[in-house]
Amino acid sequence: RLPWPVATGTITEGYGKHAHPTLPNVTTNNNGVDISAPKSAQVRAVFEGEVTSVLSIPGAGKVVIIKHGNYRTVYSNLQEVYVGVGSKVTTKQGIGSLLPVDGETLSVAHFEIHLVQEGQVIRINPSLWIAN
């Protein structure tokens, strides 16, 4: 089992397909899990590895991807990033902080786990890997 990518939080949207909360007959597909955490909470690596990418995605804040052998963990919705490409990280090391949401007391961490196998990227349900 892996530690959570935030010290405290609640999974507010699980992995996979879900009915849209307000639009009838519309579904969304979550490639990871969304975790509500305290506003601007620190995000941490769930396992030791090496940072392979630090990106900025409109609407998703900053994104950090960490390589762990054939696995990749993806952390998005970050406001600040404390690591750079090539940084070696340890389990539970802080890698960034979450974007605050105006008028809200919570921030949302988006977390994904991928397996890279024979050139294919296989998305894995993080709920099966992170400790309860």
C-alpha atoms as a PDB file:
ATOM      1  CA  ARG A   1       0.000   0.000   0.000  1.00  0.00           C
ATOM      2  CA  LEU A   2       1.105   3.529  -0.806  1.00  0.00           C
ATOM      3  CA  PRO A   3       0.620   6.622   1.356  1.00  0.00           C
ATOM      4  CA  TRP A   4      -1.886   9.239   0.225  1.00  0.00           C
ATOM      5  CA  PRO A   5      -0.593  12.102  -1.944  1.00  0.00           C
ATOM      6  CA  VAL A   6      -1.941  14.520   0.714  1.00  0.00           C
ATOM      7  CA  ALA A   7      -1.657  14.120   4.497  1.00  0.00           C
ATOM      8  CA  THR A   8      -5.440  14.325   5.009  1.00  0.00           C
ATOM      9  CA  GLY A   9      -8.318  14.262   2.594  1.00  0.00           C
ATOM     10  CA  THR A  10     -11.369  12.509   1.215  1.00  0.00           C
ATOM     11  CA  ILE A  11     -11.826  10.952  -2.213  1.00  0.00           C
ATOM     12  CA  THR A  12     -14.551  13.080  -3.778  1.00  0.00           C
ATOM     13  CA  GLU A  13     -14.512  11.506  -7.230  1.00  0.00           C
ATOM     14  CA  GLY A  14     -13.355   7.974  -7.828  1.00  0.00           C
ATOM     15  CA  TYR A  15     -11.696   6.341 -10.796  1.00  0.00           C
ATOM     16  CA  GLY A  16     -13.665   5.532 -13.950  1.00  0.00           C
ATOM     17  CA  LYS A  17     -16.938   6.672 -15.521  1.00  0.00           C
ATOM     18  CA  HIS A  18     -19.451   8.713 -13.528  1.00  0.00           C
ATOM     19  CA  ALA A  19     -22.737  10.426 -14.239  1.00  0.00           C
ATOM     20  CA  HIS A  20     -22.264  14.173 -14.628  1.00  0.00           C
ATOM     21  CA  PRO A  21     -23.530  15.923 -11.471  1.00  0.00           C
ATOM     22  CA  THR A  22     -25.811  18.368 -13.320  1.00  0.00           C
ATOM     23  CA  LEU A  23     -26.172  17.297 -16.963  1.00  0.00           C
ATOM     24  CA  PRO A  24     -28.528  14.396 -17.621  1.00  0.00           C
ATOM     25  CA  ASN A  25     -27.275  11.584 -19.883  1.00  0.00           C
ATOM     26  CA  VAL A  26     -23.691  12.905 -19.694  1.00  0.00           C
ATOM     27  CA  THR A  27     -20.833  10.932 -18.181  1.00  0.00           C
ATOM     28  CA  THR A  28     -17.318  11.907 -17.206  1.00  0.00           C
ATOM     29  CA  ASN A  29     -14.281   9.628 -17.168  1.00  0.00           C
ATOM     30  CA  ASN A  30     -11.753  10.084 -14.380  1.00  0.00           C
ATOM     31  CA  ASN A  31      -8.321   8.590 -15.140  1.00  0.00           C
ATOM     32  CA  GLY A  32      -7.407   8.869 -11.463  1.00  0.00           C
ATOM     33  CA  VAL A  33      -8.990  10.016  -8.218  1.00  0.00           C
ATOM     34  CA  ASP A  34      -9.867  13.481  -6.963  1.00  0.00           C
ATOM     35  CA  ILE A  35      -9.106  14.086  -3.296  1.00  0.00           C
ATOM     36  CA  SER A  36     -10.520  17.057  -1.396  1.00  0.00           C
ATOM     37  CA  ALA A  37      -7.908  18.320   1.040  1.00  0.00           C
ATOM     38  CA  PRO A  38      -7.351  21.427   3.182  1.00  0.00           C
ATOM     39  CA  LYS A  39      -6.973  24.614   1.123  1.00  0.00           C
ATOM     40  CA  SER A  40      -3.500  24.890  -0.492  1.00  0.00           C
ATOM     41  CA  ALA A  41      -2.414  21.596   1.155  1.00  0.00           C
ATOM     42  CA  GLN A  42       1.005  20.179   0.422  1.00  0.00           C
ATOM     43  CA  VAL A  43       1.130  17.340  -2.119  1.00  0.00           C
ATOM     44  CA  ARG A  44       3.683  14.590  -1.569  1.00  0.00           C
ATOM     45  CA  ALA A  45       5.229  11.778  -3.566  1.00  0.00           C
ATOM     46  CA  VAL A  46       3.645   8.411  -2.807  1.00  0.00           C
ATOM     47  CA  PHE A  47       6.877   6.510  -3.537  1.00  0.00           C
ATOM     48  CA  GLU A  48      10.522   7.239  -4.254  1.00  0.00           C
ATOM     49  CA  GLY A  49      11.356   8.039  -7.846  1.00  0.00           C
ATOM     50  CA  GLU A  50      12.535  10.649 -10.327  1.00  0.00           C
ATOM     51  CA  VAL A  51      10.597  13.626 -11.643  1.00  0.00           C
ATOM     52  CA  THR A  52      10.261  13.255 -15.429  1.00  0.00           C
ATOM     53  CA  SER A  53       7.907  16.156 -16.192  1.00  0.00           C
ATOM     54  CA  VAL A  54       6.675  19.419 -14.729  1.00  0.00           C
ATOM     55  CA  LEU A  55       3.920  20.891 -16.887  1.00  0.00           C
ATOM     56  CA  SER A  56       1.370  23.669 -16.750  1.00  0.00           C
ATOM     57  CA  ILE A  57      -2.055  22.726 -18.114  1.00  0.00           C
ATOM     58  CA  PRO A  58      -4.803  25.340 -18.468  1.00  0.00           C
ATOM     59  CA  GLY A  59      -7.583  24.427 -16.041  1.00  0.00           C
ATOM     60  CA  ALA A  60      -5.469  21.807 -14.241  1.00  0.00           C
ATOM     61  CA  GLY A  61      -2.755  24.012 -12.776  1.00  0.00           C
ATOM     62  CA  LYS A  62       0.717  22.576 -12.667  1.00  0.00           C
ATOM     63  CA  VAL A  63       1.334  18.852 -13.095  1.00  0.00           C
ATOM     64  CA  VAL A  64       4.218  16.725 -11.796  1.00  0.00           C
ATOM     65  CA  ILE A  65       4.956  13.255 -13.200  1.00  0.00           C
ATOM     66  CA  ILE A  66       7.262  10.936 -11.254  1.00  0.00           C
ATOM     67  CA  LYS A  67       8.822   7.753 -12.658  1.00  0.00           C
ATOM     68  CA  HIS A  68       9.041   4.683 -10.431  1.00  0.00           C
ATOM     69  CA  GLY A  69      10.489   1.950 -12.658  1.00  0.00           C
ATOM     70  CA  ASN A  70       7.694   1.003 -15.096  1.00  0.00           C
ATOM     71  CA  TYR A  71       5.161   3.032 -13.122  1.00  0.00           C
ATOM     72  CA  ARG A  72       4.352   6.755 -13.284  1.00  0.00           C
ATOM     73  CA  THR A  73       2.441   8.780 -10.736  1.00  0.00           C
ATOM     74  CA  VAL A  74       0.734  11.974 -11.866  1.00  0.00           C
ATOM     75  CA  TYR A  75      -0.133  14.832  -9.501  1.00  0.00           C
ATOM     76  CA  SER A  76      -2.179  17.741 -10.865  1.00  0.00           C
ATOM     77  CA  ASN A  77      -4.071  20.837  -9.777  1.00  0.00           C
ATOM     78  CA  LEU A  78      -0.911  22.261  -8.200  1.00  0.00           C
ATOM     79  CA  GLN A  79      -0.304  25.948  -7.632  1.00  0.00           C
ATOM     80  CA  GLU A  80       3.354  25.693  -6.638  1.00  0.00           C
ATOM     81  CA  VAL A  81       5.903  23.013  -7.493  1.00  0.00           C
ATOM     82  CA  TYR A  82       8.927  22.367  -5.266  1.00  0.00           C
ATOM     83  CA  VAL A  83      10.752  19.951  -7.615  1.00  0.00           C
ATOM     84  CA  GLY A  84      12.161  20.037 -11.132  1.00  0.00           C
ATOM     85  CA  VAL A  85      12.778  17.563 -13.927  1.00  0.00           C
ATOM     86  CA  GLY A  86      15.494  15.143 -12.813  1.00  0.00           C
ATOM     87  CA  SER A  87      14.823  15.653  -9.085  1.00  0.00           C
ATOM     88  CA  LYS A  88      15.040  12.477  -7.030  1.00  0.00           C
ATOM     89  CA  VAL A  89      12.180  12.273  -4.535  1.00  0.00           C
ATOM     90  CA  THR A  90      11.532  10.111  -1.508  1.00  0.00           C
ATOM     91  CA  THR A  91       8.269   8.666  -0.201  1.00  0.00           C
ATOM     92  CA  LYS A  92       6.117  11.408   1.401  1.00  0.00           C
ATOM     93  CA  GLN A  93       8.447  14.208   0.197  1.00  0.00           C
ATOM     94  CA  GLY A  94       6.583  17.439  -0.536  1.00  0.00           C
ATOM     95  CA  ILE A  95       6.487  18.130  -4.274  1.00  0.00           C
ATOM     96  CA  GLY A  96       4.071  21.065  -4.413  1.00  0.00           C
ATOM     97  CA  SER A  97       0.955  22.727  -3.036  1.00  0.00           C
ATOM     98  CA  LEU A  98      -2.625  22.626  -4.277  1.00  0.00           C
ATOM     99  CA  LEU A  99      -4.421  25.418  -6.108  1.00  0.00           C
ATOM    100  CA  PRO A 100      -6.750  27.303  -3.782  1.00  0.00           C
ATOM    101  CA  VAL A 101     -10.324  27.808  -4.971  1.00  0.00           C
ATOM    102  CA  ASP A 102     -11.773  31.276  -4.402  1.00  0.00           C
ATOM    103  CA  GLY A 103     -14.344  31.244  -1.621  1.00  0.00           C
ATOM    104  CA  GLU A 104     -13.705  27.579  -0.763  1.00  0.00           C
ATOM    105  CA  THR A 105     -12.060  26.042   2.285  1.00  0.00           C
ATOM    106  CA  LEU A 106     -10.858  23.001   0.339  1.00  0.00           C
ATOM    107  CA  SER A 107      -8.530  22.310  -2.590  1.00  0.00           C
ATOM    108  CA  VAL A 108      -8.706  19.249  -4.842  1.00  0.00           C
ATOM    109  CA  ALA A 109      -5.745  17.022  -5.656  1.00  0.00           C
ATOM    110  CA  HIS A 110      -5.969  14.932  -8.830  1.00  0.00           C
ATOM    111  CA  PHE A 111      -3.835  11.766  -8.648  1.00  0.00           C
ATOM    112  CA  GLU A 112      -3.205   9.079 -11.276  1.00  0.00           C
ATOM    113  CA  ILE A 113      -1.110   5.904 -11.511  1.00  0.00           C
ATOM    114  CA  HIS A 114       0.058   4.592 -14.899  1.00  0.00           C
ATOM    115  CA  LEU A 115       1.907   1.413 -15.850  1.00  0.00           C
ATOM    116  CA  VAL A 116       4.087   1.720 -18.961  1.00  0.00           C
ATOM    117  CA  GLN A 117       4.362  -1.720 -20.519  1.00  0.00           C
ATOM    118  CA  GLU A 118       5.615  -2.546 -24.021  1.00  0.00           C
ATOM    119  CA  GLY A 119       5.049   1.034 -25.164  1.00  0.00           C
ATOM    120  CA  GLN A 120       1.476   1.108 -23.854  1.00  0.00           C
ATOM    121  CA  VAL A 121       0.228   3.283 -20.998  1.00  0.00           C
ATOM    122  CA  ILE A 122      -2.178   1.382 -18.752  1.00  0.00           C
ATOM    123  CA  ARG A 123      -4.163   3.515 -16.304  1.00  0.00           C
ATOM    124  CA  ILE A 124      -4.600   1.941 -12.879  1.00  0.00           C
ATOM    125  CA  ASN A 125      -7.248   2.698 -10.259  1.00  0.00           C
ATOM    126  CA  PRO A 126      -5.292   4.514  -7.495  1.00  0.00           C
ATOM    127  CA  SER A 127      -7.898   3.506  -4.888  1.00  0.00           C
ATOM    128  CA  LEU A 128      -6.502  -0.038  -5.110  1.00  0.00           C
ATOM    129  CA  TRP A 129      -3.009   1.173  -4.230  1.00  0.00           C
ATOM    130  CA  ILE A 130      -3.317   3.918  -1.637  1.00  0.00           C
ATOM    131  CA  ALA A 131      -3.753   2.915   1.999  1.00  0.00           C
ATOM    132  CA  ASN A 132      -7.126   3.511   3.628  1.00  0.00           C
END
